[in-house]
């Protein structure tokens, strides 16, 4: 099984994370940020990843450090779990509707991190205590540390919760597709014979 365990401790956060890319969608997530926990749970369920996250951070100041650092640790764990990347499908794409909203994620496990993020929220208000702008920060941190090229967009939607939820579901499904082993793929899926 392709698994990884990553820990990160800074002055601002203390995070322990394990991931199994060949899981069943089981998760235990506690970041002390309920909305983030909910979104990561959706990603795991729809991506069929087994993930455990325990994170403590300076959320009394702001959620930013914790959200960003969870993205960093998850990205590092996915990269580590992928190992030599032999036999992976490499590309993934998913569009997920959520009532009035549509979100699409396309990604390439290329070894070249990049984020294109085209998601606009109709209201700039927070969801309880969660700032929607942190979704982009999370995905940027993930892309940068996983070595994945990630394109995320939501062309329309009225409800901010629905938009973010559709993004995380699409992210999980696209990532599952990309990291899946394809028995027809021999070696690394690149004419360069290397990803990165």
N, C-alpha and C. Protein backbone atom coordinates (compact mmCIF):
# COMPACT_ATOMS: atom_id res chain seq x y z
N UNK A 1 0.83 -1.19 0.00
CA UNK A 1 0.00 0.00 0.00
C UNK A 1 0.87 1.25 0.00
N UNK A 2 0.34 2.30 -0.65
CA UNK A 2 1.09 3.54 -0.75
C UNK A 2 0.65 4.47 0.38
N UNK A 3 1.49 4.51 1.41
CA UNK A 3 1.16 5.27 2.61
C UNK A 3 2.29 6.23 2.96
N UNK A 4 1.96 7.19 3.80
CA UNK A 4 2.98 8.13 4.28
C UNK A 4 2.53 8.72 5.61
N UNK A 5 3.52 9.10 6.39
CA UNK A 5 3.27 9.80 7.65
C UNK A 5 4.17 11.02 7.67
N UNK A 6 3.59 12.18 7.90
CA UNK A 6 4.35 13.42 7.91
C UNK A 6 3.96 14.22 9.15
N UNK A 7 4.96 14.80 9.79
CA UNK A 7 4.73 15.67 10.94
C UNK A 7 5.41 17.01 10.68
N UNK A 8 4.79 18.05 11.16
CA UNK A 8 5.36 19.40 11.01
C UNK A 8 5.07 20.17 12.28
N UNK A 9 6.12 20.69 12.88
CA UNK A 9 5.95 21.48 14.10
C UNK A 9 6.69 22.79 13.94
N UNK A 10 5.96 23.87 14.07
CA UNK A 10 6.54 25.21 14.01
C UNK A 10 6.07 25.98 15.24
N UNK A 11 6.46 27.22 15.32
CA UNK A 11 6.00 28.08 16.42
C UNK A 11 4.50 28.31 16.33
N UNK A 12 3.95 28.13 15.11
CA UNK A 12 2.53 28.44 14.89
C UNK A 12 1.62 27.21 14.86
N UNK A 13 2.17 26.07 14.44
CA UNK A 13 1.33 24.87 14.29
C UNK A 13 2.08 23.60 14.69
N UNK A 14 1.30 22.57 15.00
CA UNK A 14 1.83 21.23 15.30
C UNK A 14 0.88 20.25 14.63
N UNK A 15 1.36 19.59 13.57
CA UNK A 15 0.49 18.76 12.73
C UNK A 15 1.07 17.36 12.57
N UNK A 16 0.21 16.37 12.74
CA UNK A 16 0.55 14.97 12.47
C UNK A 16 -0.47 14.44 11.47
N UNK A 17 0.02 13.82 10.40
CA UNK A 17 -0.87 13.38 9.33
C UNK A 17 -0.40 12.04 8.76
N UNK A 18 -1.34 11.14 8.53
CA UNK A 18 -1.05 9.90 7.81
C UNK A 18 -2.02 9.81 6.64
N UNK A 19 -1.55 9.22 5.54
CA UNK A 19 -2.40 9.05 4.37
C UNK A 19 -2.15 7.68 3.75
N UNK A 20 -3.22 7.08 3.27
CA UNK A 20 -3.17 5.85 2.48
C UNK A 20 -3.89 6.13 1.17
N UNK A 21 -3.15 6.18 0.08
CA UNK A 21 -3.75 6.50 -1.22
C UNK A 21 -4.66 5.38 -1.72
N UNK A 22 -4.46 4.17 -1.24
CA UNK A 22 -5.24 3.02 -1.69
C UNK A 22 -6.26 2.62 -0.61
N UNK A 23 -6.90 3.60 -0.04
CA UNK A 23 -7.80 3.36 1.08
C UNK A 23 -9.24 3.15 0.67
N UNK A 24 -10.12 3.38 1.65
CA UNK A 24 -11.55 3.17 1.47
C UNK A 24 -12.36 4.41 1.78
N UNK A 25 -11.68 5.53 2.01
CA UNK A 25 -12.38 6.76 2.34
C UNK A 25 -12.64 6.92 3.82
N UNK A 26 -11.79 6.29 4.64
CA UNK A 26 -11.92 6.41 6.09
C UNK A 26 -11.07 7.59 6.57
N UNK A 27 -11.57 8.31 7.55
CA UNK A 27 -10.85 9.50 7.99
C UNK A 27 -11.09 9.79 9.46
N UNK A 28 -10.11 10.43 10.06
CA UNK A 28 -10.20 10.96 11.42
C UNK A 28 -9.48 12.30 11.37
N UNK A 29 -10.24 13.37 11.39
CA UNK A 29 -9.66 14.69 11.14
C UNK A 29 -10.05 15.66 12.24
N UNK A 30 -9.05 16.27 12.85
CA UNK A 30 -9.26 17.27 13.89
C UNK A 30 -8.22 18.36 13.74
N UNK A 31 -8.63 19.44 13.09
CA UNK A 31 -7.74 20.59 12.90
C UNK A 31 -8.10 21.74 13.84
N UNK A 32 -9.15 21.58 14.62
CA UNK A 32 -9.72 22.63 15.47
C UNK A 32 -10.45 23.70 14.65
N UNK A 33 -10.61 23.44 13.34
CA UNK A 33 -11.36 24.33 12.46
C UNK A 33 -12.48 23.48 11.85
N UNK A 34 -13.68 23.51 12.42
CA UNK A 34 -14.74 22.59 12.00
C UNK A 34 -15.04 22.59 10.50
N UNK A 35 -15.07 23.76 9.88
CA UNK A 35 -15.38 23.80 8.45
C UNK A 35 -14.29 23.12 7.63
N UNK A 36 -13.03 23.33 7.99
CA UNK A 36 -11.93 22.65 7.29
C UNK A 36 -12.02 21.14 7.49
N UNK A 37 -12.32 20.71 8.72
CA UNK A 37 -12.50 19.27 8.99
C UNK A 37 -13.56 18.69 8.07
N UNK A 38 -14.67 19.40 7.92
CA UNK A 38 -15.77 18.93 7.07
C UNK A 38 -15.32 18.80 5.62
N UNK A 39 -14.62 19.81 5.11
CA UNK A 39 -14.17 19.78 3.71
C UNK A 39 -13.15 18.67 3.47
N UNK A 40 -12.21 18.48 4.38
CA UNK A 40 -11.22 17.42 4.23
C UNK A 40 -11.86 16.04 4.33
N UNK A 41 -12.89 15.92 5.15
CA UNK A 41 -13.62 14.66 5.24
C UNK A 41 -14.29 14.33 3.90
N UNK A 42 -14.86 15.33 3.27
CA UNK A 42 -15.47 15.14 1.95
C UNK A 42 -14.43 14.72 0.92
N UNK A 43 -13.27 15.37 0.96
CA UNK A 43 -12.20 15.02 0.03
C UNK A 43 -11.80 13.57 0.19
N UNK A 44 -11.65 13.12 1.44
CA UNK A 44 -11.26 11.72 1.71
C UNK A 44 -12.33 10.75 1.25
N UNK A 45 -13.58 11.04 1.59
CA UNK A 45 -14.68 10.14 1.25
C UNK A 45 -14.81 9.96 -0.25
N UNK A 46 -14.74 11.04 -0.98
CA UNK A 46 -14.91 10.97 -2.43
C UNK A 46 -13.63 10.59 -3.16
N UNK A 47 -12.49 10.76 -2.51
CA UNK A 47 -11.22 10.34 -3.10
C UNK A 47 -10.83 8.93 -2.71
N UNK A 48 -11.56 8.34 -1.76
CA UNK A 48 -11.25 7.00 -1.22
C UNK A 48 -9.86 6.96 -0.59
N UNK A 49 -9.49 8.05 0.07
CA UNK A 49 -8.22 8.11 0.79
C UNK A 49 -8.47 7.89 2.27
N UNK A 50 -7.63 7.11 2.91
CA UNK A 50 -7.67 6.97 4.36
C UNK A 50 -6.70 8.01 4.94
N UNK A 51 -7.22 8.90 5.75
CA UNK A 51 -6.42 10.02 6.26
C UNK A 51 -6.70 10.24 7.74
N UNK A 52 -5.63 10.45 8.48
CA UNK A 52 -5.74 10.89 9.87
C UNK A 52 -4.97 12.19 10.00
N UNK A 53 -5.62 13.19 10.58
CA UNK A 53 -4.98 14.48 10.79
C UNK A 53 -5.28 14.95 12.21
N UNK A 54 -4.24 15.32 12.91
CA UNK A 54 -4.37 15.98 14.20
C UNK A 54 -3.54 17.25 14.11
N UNK A 55 -4.21 18.38 14.20
CA UNK A 55 -3.51 19.66 14.04
C UNK A 55 -3.89 20.61 15.16
N UNK A 56 -2.87 21.27 15.69
CA UNK A 56 -3.06 22.34 16.66
C UNK A 56 -2.39 23.57 16.08
N UNK A 57 -3.06 24.70 16.20
CA UNK A 57 -2.46 25.92 15.67
C UNK A 57 -2.93 27.14 16.43
N UNK A 58 -2.37 28.27 16.05
CA UNK A 58 -2.68 29.53 16.73
C UNK A 58 -3.98 30.13 16.18
N UNK A 59 -5.06 29.33 16.25
CA UNK A 59 -6.34 29.79 15.70
C UNK A 59 -6.95 30.92 16.53
N UNK A 60 -6.40 31.16 17.72
CA UNK A 60 -6.85 32.31 18.49
C UNK A 60 -6.45 33.61 17.80
N UNK A 61 -5.41 33.52 16.96
CA UNK A 61 -4.98 34.69 16.18
C UNK A 61 -5.72 34.72 14.86
N UNK A 62 -5.67 33.58 14.13
CA UNK A 62 -6.30 33.48 12.81
C UNK A 62 -6.21 32.02 12.37
N UNK A 63 -7.07 31.62 11.44
CA UNK A 63 -7.04 30.24 10.93
C UNK A 63 -5.97 30.02 9.86
N UNK A 64 -5.40 31.12 9.35
CA UNK A 64 -4.53 31.02 8.18
C UNK A 64 -3.37 30.05 8.34
N UNK A 65 -2.62 30.16 9.43
CA UNK A 65 -1.44 29.32 9.60
C UNK A 65 -1.81 27.84 9.61
N UNK A 66 -2.88 27.50 10.29
CA UNK A 66 -3.29 26.10 10.38
C UNK A 66 -3.76 25.58 9.03
N UNK A 67 -4.60 26.34 8.35
CA UNK A 67 -5.10 25.91 7.04
C UNK A 67 -3.95 25.71 6.06
N UNK A 68 -3.06 26.68 5.98
CA UNK A 68 -1.93 26.60 5.06
C UNK A 68 -1.01 25.44 5.41
N UNK A 69 -0.72 25.27 6.70
CA UNK A 69 0.21 24.21 7.10
C UNK A 69 -0.38 22.82 6.92
N UNK A 70 -1.69 22.67 7.08
CA UNK A 70 -2.33 21.39 6.77
C UNK A 70 -2.18 21.09 5.28
N UNK A 71 -2.32 22.11 4.43
CA UNK A 71 -2.09 21.94 3.00
C UNK A 71 -0.66 21.52 2.69
N UNK A 72 0.30 22.11 3.39
CA UNK A 72 1.71 21.75 3.22
C UNK A 72 1.94 20.29 3.58
N UNK A 73 1.44 19.89 4.75
CA UNK A 73 1.67 18.52 5.24
C UNK A 73 0.96 17.50 4.37
N UNK A 74 -0.27 17.79 3.95
CA UNK A 74 -0.99 16.86 3.08
C UNK A 74 -0.28 16.73 1.74
N UNK A 75 0.21 17.83 1.20
CA UNK A 75 0.94 17.78 -0.06
C UNK A 75 2.20 16.93 0.05
N UNK A 76 2.96 17.12 1.12
CA UNK A 76 4.17 16.33 1.33
C UNK A 76 3.85 14.84 1.50
N UNK A 77 2.76 14.55 2.20
CA UNK A 77 2.38 13.15 2.43
C UNK A 77 1.97 12.47 1.13
N UNK A 78 1.20 13.17 0.30
CA UNK A 78 0.79 12.59 -0.99
C UNK A 78 2.02 12.34 -1.86
N UNK A 79 2.92 13.30 -1.90
CA UNK A 79 4.13 13.13 -2.71
C UNK A 79 4.95 11.93 -2.22
N UNK A 80 5.09 11.81 -0.90
CA UNK A 80 5.85 10.70 -0.33
C UNK A 80 5.16 9.36 -0.61
N UNK A 81 3.84 9.32 -0.46
CA UNK A 81 3.09 8.08 -0.68
C UNK A 81 3.13 7.63 -2.14
N UNK A 82 3.29 8.56 -3.06
CA UNK A 82 3.35 8.21 -4.48
C UNK A 82 4.63 7.47 -4.84
N UNK A 83 5.66 7.59 -4.02
CA UNK A 83 6.91 6.86 -4.26
C UNK A 83 7.51 7.21 -5.61
N UNK A 84 7.82 6.17 -6.40
CA UNK A 84 8.47 6.39 -7.70
C UNK A 84 7.47 6.76 -8.80
N UNK A 85 6.20 6.78 -8.50
CA UNK A 85 5.11 7.17 -9.40
C UNK A 85 4.95 6.24 -10.59
N UNK A 86 5.57 5.09 -10.55
CA UNK A 86 5.42 4.14 -11.66
C UNK A 86 4.00 3.58 -11.69
N UNK A 87 3.43 3.57 -12.88
CA UNK A 87 2.13 2.98 -13.08
C UNK A 87 0.93 3.86 -12.78
N UNK A 88 1.16 5.10 -12.33
CA UNK A 88 0.01 5.95 -12.00
C UNK A 88 -0.65 6.47 -13.28
N UNK A 89 -1.92 6.82 -13.16
CA UNK A 89 -2.64 7.39 -14.31
C UNK A 89 -2.14 8.79 -14.65
N UNK A 90 -1.65 9.49 -13.67
CA UNK A 90 -1.04 10.81 -13.74
C UNK A 90 -2.04 11.96 -13.84
N UNK A 91 -3.01 11.89 -14.72
CA UNK A 91 -3.98 12.98 -14.89
C UNK A 91 -5.31 12.62 -14.24
N UNK A 92 -5.97 13.64 -13.73
CA UNK A 92 -7.29 13.46 -13.16
C UNK A 92 -8.16 14.67 -13.42
N UNK A 93 -9.44 14.41 -13.59
CA UNK A 93 -10.37 15.52 -13.84
C UNK A 93 -11.73 15.13 -13.28
N UNK A 94 -12.38 16.09 -12.62
CA UNK A 94 -13.72 15.84 -12.10
C UNK A 94 -14.50 17.14 -12.05
N UNK A 95 -15.75 17.06 -12.45
CA UNK A 95 -16.69 18.16 -12.29
C UNK A 95 -17.79 17.67 -11.35
N UNK A 96 -18.07 18.45 -10.33
CA UNK A 96 -19.05 18.05 -9.32
C UNK A 96 -20.11 19.14 -9.19
N UNK A 97 -21.38 18.75 -9.39
CA UNK A 97 -22.46 19.70 -9.10
C UNK A 97 -22.85 19.64 -7.63
N UNK A 98 -23.21 20.76 -7.09
CA UNK A 98 -23.73 20.83 -5.73
C UNK A 98 -24.91 21.79 -5.77
N UNK A 99 -26.09 21.25 -5.97
CA UNK A 99 -27.29 22.05 -6.15
C UNK A 99 -27.08 23.06 -7.28
N UNK A 100 -27.04 24.36 -6.95
CA UNK A 100 -26.94 25.40 -7.99
C UNK A 100 -25.51 25.65 -8.46
N UNK A 101 -24.56 24.93 -7.87
CA UNK A 101 -23.14 25.20 -8.08
C UNK A 101 -22.48 24.11 -8.91
N UNK A 102 -21.47 24.49 -9.67
CA UNK A 102 -20.62 23.52 -10.36
C UNK A 102 -19.17 23.86 -10.08
N UNK A 103 -18.37 22.86 -9.77
CA UNK A 103 -16.92 23.06 -9.59
C UNK A 103 -16.18 21.99 -10.37
N UNK A 104 -15.06 22.37 -10.94
CA UNK A 104 -14.23 21.45 -11.72
C UNK A 104 -12.79 21.53 -11.27
N UNK A 105 -12.16 20.36 -11.18
CA UNK A 105 -10.74 20.28 -10.85
C UNK A 105 -10.06 19.39 -11.87
N UNK A 106 -8.98 19.89 -12.44
CA UNK A 106 -8.13 19.12 -13.34
C UNK A 106 -6.73 19.16 -12.77
N UNK A 107 -6.05 18.01 -12.76
CA UNK A 107 -4.71 18.01 -12.19
C UNK A 107 -3.78 17.05 -12.91
N UNK A 108 -2.50 17.33 -12.74
CA UNK A 108 -1.43 16.55 -13.36
C UNK A 108 -0.37 16.31 -12.30
N UNK A 109 -0.14 15.03 -12.00
CA UNK A 109 0.92 14.66 -11.06
C UNK A 109 2.23 14.73 -11.84
N UNK A 110 2.68 15.93 -12.08
CA UNK A 110 3.77 16.20 -13.00
C UNK A 110 5.12 16.37 -12.32
N UNK A 111 5.10 16.62 -11.01
CA UNK A 111 6.33 17.01 -10.34
C UNK A 111 6.62 18.49 -10.48
N UNK A 112 5.72 19.19 -11.17
CA UNK A 112 5.87 20.63 -11.38
C UNK A 112 4.67 21.33 -10.73
N UNK A 113 4.86 21.89 -9.55
CA UNK A 113 3.73 22.49 -8.84
C UNK A 113 3.23 23.77 -9.51
N UNK A 114 1.91 23.86 -9.61
CA UNK A 114 1.32 25.07 -10.16
C UNK A 114 -0.16 25.09 -9.77
N UNK A 115 -0.68 26.25 -9.46
CA UNK A 115 -2.10 26.38 -9.15
C UNK A 115 -2.73 27.46 -10.01
N UNK A 116 -3.79 27.09 -10.70
CA UNK A 116 -4.68 28.06 -11.34
C UNK A 116 -6.00 27.97 -10.58
N UNK A 117 -6.41 29.08 -10.02
CA UNK A 117 -7.58 29.09 -9.14
C UNK A 117 -8.56 30.15 -9.63
N UNK A 118 -9.68 29.70 -10.17
CA UNK A 118 -10.69 30.62 -10.69
C UNK A 118 -12.02 30.34 -9.99
N UNK A 119 -12.09 30.79 -8.78
CA UNK A 119 -13.28 30.60 -7.96
C UNK A 119 -13.64 31.95 -7.35
N UNK A 120 -14.84 32.39 -7.63
CA UNK A 120 -15.32 33.66 -7.07
C UNK A 120 -16.52 33.36 -6.18
N UNK A 121 -16.53 34.01 -5.04
CA UNK A 121 -17.64 33.82 -4.11
C UNK A 121 -18.61 34.98 -4.20
N UNK A 122 -19.90 34.70 -4.20
CA UNK A 122 -20.89 35.77 -4.37
C UNK A 122 -20.96 36.71 -3.18
N UNK A 123 -20.59 36.21 -2.00
CA UNK A 123 -20.60 37.05 -0.80
C UNK A 123 -19.23 36.95 -0.15
N UNK A 124 -18.74 38.05 0.33
CA UNK A 124 -17.42 38.04 0.96
C UNK A 124 -17.50 37.75 2.45
N UNK A 125 -18.69 37.45 2.95
CA UNK A 125 -18.81 37.16 4.37
C UNK A 125 -18.24 35.78 4.68
N UNK A 126 -17.81 35.61 5.92
CA UNK A 126 -17.25 34.33 6.35
C UNK A 126 -18.36 33.33 6.60
N UNK A 127 -18.00 32.06 6.52
CA UNK A 127 -18.91 30.99 6.90
C UNK A 127 -18.69 30.75 8.38
N UNK A 128 -19.56 31.28 9.20
CA UNK A 128 -19.33 31.32 10.64
C UNK A 128 -17.99 32.00 10.87
N UNK A 129 -16.95 31.22 11.20
CA UNK A 129 -15.65 31.83 11.45
C UNK A 129 -14.63 31.53 10.35
N UNK A 130 -15.06 30.90 9.27
CA UNK A 130 -14.10 30.49 8.23
C UNK A 130 -14.08 31.49 7.08
N UNK A 131 -12.88 31.90 6.71
CA UNK A 131 -12.69 32.84 5.61
C UNK A 131 -12.56 32.05 4.30
N UNK A 132 -13.48 32.22 3.35
CA UNK A 132 -13.41 31.47 2.08
C UNK A 132 -12.10 31.65 1.31
N UNK A 133 -11.42 32.78 1.51
CA UNK A 133 -10.16 33.01 0.80
C UNK A 133 -9.09 31.98 1.20
N UNK A 134 -9.25 31.33 2.34
CA UNK A 134 -8.27 30.35 2.80
C UNK A 134 -8.27 29.09 1.95
N UNK A 135 -9.33 28.85 1.19
CA UNK A 135 -9.37 27.68 0.30
C UNK A 135 -8.23 27.77 -0.72
N UNK A 136 -8.04 28.93 -1.29
CA UNK A 136 -6.95 29.11 -2.25
C UNK A 136 -5.60 28.92 -1.59
N UNK A 137 -5.44 29.41 -0.36
CA UNK A 137 -4.17 29.25 0.36
C UNK A 137 -3.89 27.77 0.64
N UNK A 138 -4.92 27.02 1.01
CA UNK A 138 -4.77 25.59 1.24
C UNK A 138 -4.33 24.87 -0.04
N UNK A 139 -5.00 25.16 -1.15
CA UNK A 139 -4.69 24.49 -2.41
C UNK A 139 -3.31 24.88 -2.94
N UNK A 140 -2.92 26.15 -2.73
CA UNK A 140 -1.58 26.59 -3.14
C UNK A 140 -0.52 25.84 -2.35
N UNK A 141 -0.73 25.69 -1.05
CA UNK A 141 0.22 24.96 -0.21
C UNK A 141 0.28 23.49 -0.62
N UNK A 142 -0.87 22.90 -0.91
CA UNK A 142 -0.90 21.50 -1.34
C UNK A 142 -0.15 21.33 -2.66
N UNK A 143 -0.47 22.16 -3.64
CA UNK A 143 0.17 22.04 -4.96
C UNK A 143 1.68 22.21 -4.84
N UNK A 144 2.11 23.20 -4.10
CA UNK A 144 3.54 23.48 -3.97
C UNK A 144 4.32 22.36 -3.32
N UNK A 145 3.70 21.62 -2.42
CA UNK A 145 4.41 20.58 -1.68
C UNK A 145 4.18 19.18 -2.22
N UNK A 146 3.19 19.01 -3.08
CA UNK A 146 2.95 17.70 -3.70
C UNK A 146 3.61 17.60 -5.06
N UNK A 147 3.94 18.75 -5.66
CA UNK A 147 4.48 18.75 -7.01
C UNK A 147 3.41 18.51 -8.06
N UNK A 148 2.19 18.91 -7.74
CA UNK A 148 1.06 18.68 -8.63
C UNK A 148 0.62 19.99 -9.28
N UNK A 149 0.32 19.93 -10.56
CA UNK A 149 -0.30 21.04 -11.27
C UNK A 149 -1.79 20.93 -11.06
N UNK A 150 -2.39 22.00 -10.58
CA UNK A 150 -3.78 21.95 -10.14
C UNK A 150 -4.56 23.12 -10.72
N UNK A 151 -5.63 22.81 -11.44
CA UNK A 151 -6.52 23.83 -11.99
C UNK A 151 -7.88 23.67 -11.33
N UNK A 152 -8.36 24.73 -10.69
CA UNK A 152 -9.61 24.67 -9.94
C UNK A 152 -10.49 25.83 -10.40
N UNK A 153 -11.74 25.51 -10.74
CA UNK A 153 -12.64 26.58 -11.12
C UNK A 153 -14.08 26.26 -10.74
N UNK A 154 -14.82 27.30 -10.49
CA UNK A 154 -16.26 27.20 -10.28
C UNK A 154 -16.90 28.28 -11.14
N UNK A 155 -17.47 27.90 -12.28
CA UNK A 155 -18.00 28.92 -13.20
C UNK A 155 -19.25 29.62 -12.70
N UNK A 156 -19.98 28.97 -11.79
CA UNK A 156 -21.16 29.60 -11.24
C UNK A 156 -21.56 28.95 -9.92
N UNK A 157 -22.32 29.69 -9.16
CA UNK A 157 -22.80 29.22 -7.87
C UNK A 157 -23.28 30.39 -7.05
N UNK A 158 -24.28 30.16 -6.20
CA UNK A 158 -24.87 31.21 -5.39
C UNK A 158 -24.45 31.12 -3.93
N UNK A 159 -24.26 29.88 -3.46
CA UNK A 159 -24.01 29.64 -2.05
C UNK A 159 -22.54 29.32 -1.81
N UNK A 160 -21.89 30.09 -0.95
CA UNK A 160 -20.45 29.93 -0.72
C UNK A 160 -20.11 28.54 -0.18
N UNK A 161 -20.92 28.03 0.73
CA UNK A 161 -20.69 26.69 1.26
C UNK A 161 -20.73 25.66 0.14
N UNK A 162 -21.72 25.76 -0.73
CA UNK A 162 -21.85 24.82 -1.84
C UNK A 162 -20.65 24.89 -2.78
N UNK A 163 -20.16 26.09 -3.04
CA UNK A 163 -19.02 26.26 -3.95
C UNK A 163 -17.80 25.55 -3.36
N UNK A 164 -17.50 25.81 -2.10
CA UNK A 164 -16.32 25.20 -1.48
C UNK A 164 -16.49 23.68 -1.38
N UNK A 165 -17.68 23.24 -1.02
CA UNK A 165 -17.91 21.80 -0.92
C UNK A 165 -17.72 21.11 -2.26
N UNK A 166 -18.25 21.70 -3.32
CA UNK A 166 -18.08 21.11 -4.66
C UNK A 166 -16.60 21.07 -5.06
N UNK A 167 -15.85 22.11 -4.69
CA UNK A 167 -14.41 22.14 -4.98
C UNK A 167 -13.70 20.98 -4.30
N UNK A 168 -13.95 20.76 -3.01
CA UNK A 168 -13.25 19.70 -2.29
C UNK A 168 -13.67 18.31 -2.75
N UNK A 169 -14.93 18.14 -3.11
CA UNK A 169 -15.36 16.84 -3.65
C UNK A 169 -14.69 16.58 -5.00
N UNK A 170 -14.66 17.60 -5.86
CA UNK A 170 -14.03 17.44 -7.16
C UNK A 170 -12.53 17.21 -7.01
N UNK A 171 -11.92 17.89 -6.05
CA UNK A 171 -10.50 17.71 -5.77
C UNK A 171 -10.21 16.27 -5.37
N UNK A 172 -10.99 15.72 -4.47
CA UNK A 172 -10.80 14.34 -4.05
C UNK A 172 -10.95 13.36 -5.19
N UNK A 173 -11.99 13.54 -6.01
CA UNK A 173 -12.24 12.61 -7.12
C UNK A 173 -11.16 12.72 -8.19
N UNK A 174 -10.72 13.93 -8.51
CA UNK A 174 -9.68 14.11 -9.53
C UNK A 174 -8.35 13.54 -9.04
N UNK A 175 -8.04 13.76 -7.76
CA UNK A 175 -6.79 13.23 -7.22
C UNK A 175 -6.81 11.70 -7.20
N UNK A 176 -7.94 11.12 -6.83
CA UNK A 176 -8.06 9.66 -6.84
C UNK A 176 -7.78 9.11 -8.24
N UNK A 177 -8.37 9.73 -9.24
CA UNK A 177 -8.17 9.29 -10.63
C UNK A 177 -6.70 9.38 -11.02
N UNK A 178 -6.05 10.47 -10.67
CA UNK A 178 -4.67 10.70 -11.09
C UNK A 178 -3.68 9.76 -10.41
N UNK A 179 -3.89 9.45 -9.14
CA UNK A 179 -2.92 8.61 -8.42
C UNK A 179 -3.23 7.12 -8.55
N UNK A 180 -4.35 6.78 -9.17
CA UNK A 180 -4.71 5.38 -9.34
C UNK A 180 -3.69 4.66 -10.21
N UNK A 181 -3.45 3.41 -9.87
CA UNK A 181 -2.55 2.58 -10.67
C UNK A 181 -3.32 2.04 -11.87
N UNK A 182 -2.74 2.22 -13.05
CA UNK A 182 -3.30 1.68 -14.30
C UNK A 182 -2.38 0.55 -14.74
N UNK A 183 -2.87 -0.69 -14.76
CA UNK A 183 -2.00 -1.83 -15.09
C UNK A 183 -1.40 -1.75 -16.49
N UNK A 184 -1.96 -0.90 -17.35
CA UNK A 184 -1.41 -0.77 -18.71
C UNK A 184 -0.23 0.17 -18.77
N UNK A 185 -0.07 1.00 -17.73
CA UNK A 185 1.03 1.96 -17.70
C UNK A 185 2.29 1.25 -17.20
N UNK A 186 3.30 1.24 -18.01
CA UNK A 186 4.58 0.62 -17.65
C UNK A 186 5.57 1.72 -17.28
N UNK A 187 6.06 1.67 -16.07
CA UNK A 187 7.02 2.67 -15.61
C UNK A 187 6.35 3.99 -15.31
N UNK A 188 7.12 5.07 -15.43
CA UNK A 188 6.62 6.42 -15.16
C UNK A 188 5.87 6.92 -16.39
N UNK A 189 4.67 7.47 -16.23
CA UNK A 189 3.89 7.91 -17.38
C UNK A 189 4.38 9.23 -17.97
N UNK A 190 5.55 9.18 -18.59
CA UNK A 190 6.11 10.37 -19.23
C UNK A 190 7.12 9.91 -20.28
N UNK A 191 7.12 10.59 -21.44
CA UNK A 191 8.11 10.26 -22.47
C UNK A 191 9.51 10.66 -22.01
N UNK A 192 9.60 11.53 -21.00
CA UNK A 192 10.89 11.91 -20.45
C UNK A 192 11.44 10.84 -19.51
N UNK A 193 10.57 9.87 -19.13
CA UNK A 193 10.91 8.81 -18.18
C UNK A 193 11.14 9.32 -16.77
N UNK A 194 10.72 10.55 -16.54
CA UNK A 194 10.81 11.12 -15.20
C UNK A 194 9.74 12.18 -15.06
N UNK A 195 9.18 12.31 -13.85
CA UNK A 195 8.21 13.36 -13.58
C UNK A 195 8.86 14.38 -12.66
N UNK A 196 8.83 15.64 -13.09
CA UNK A 196 9.43 16.68 -12.27
C UNK A 196 10.44 17.47 -13.04
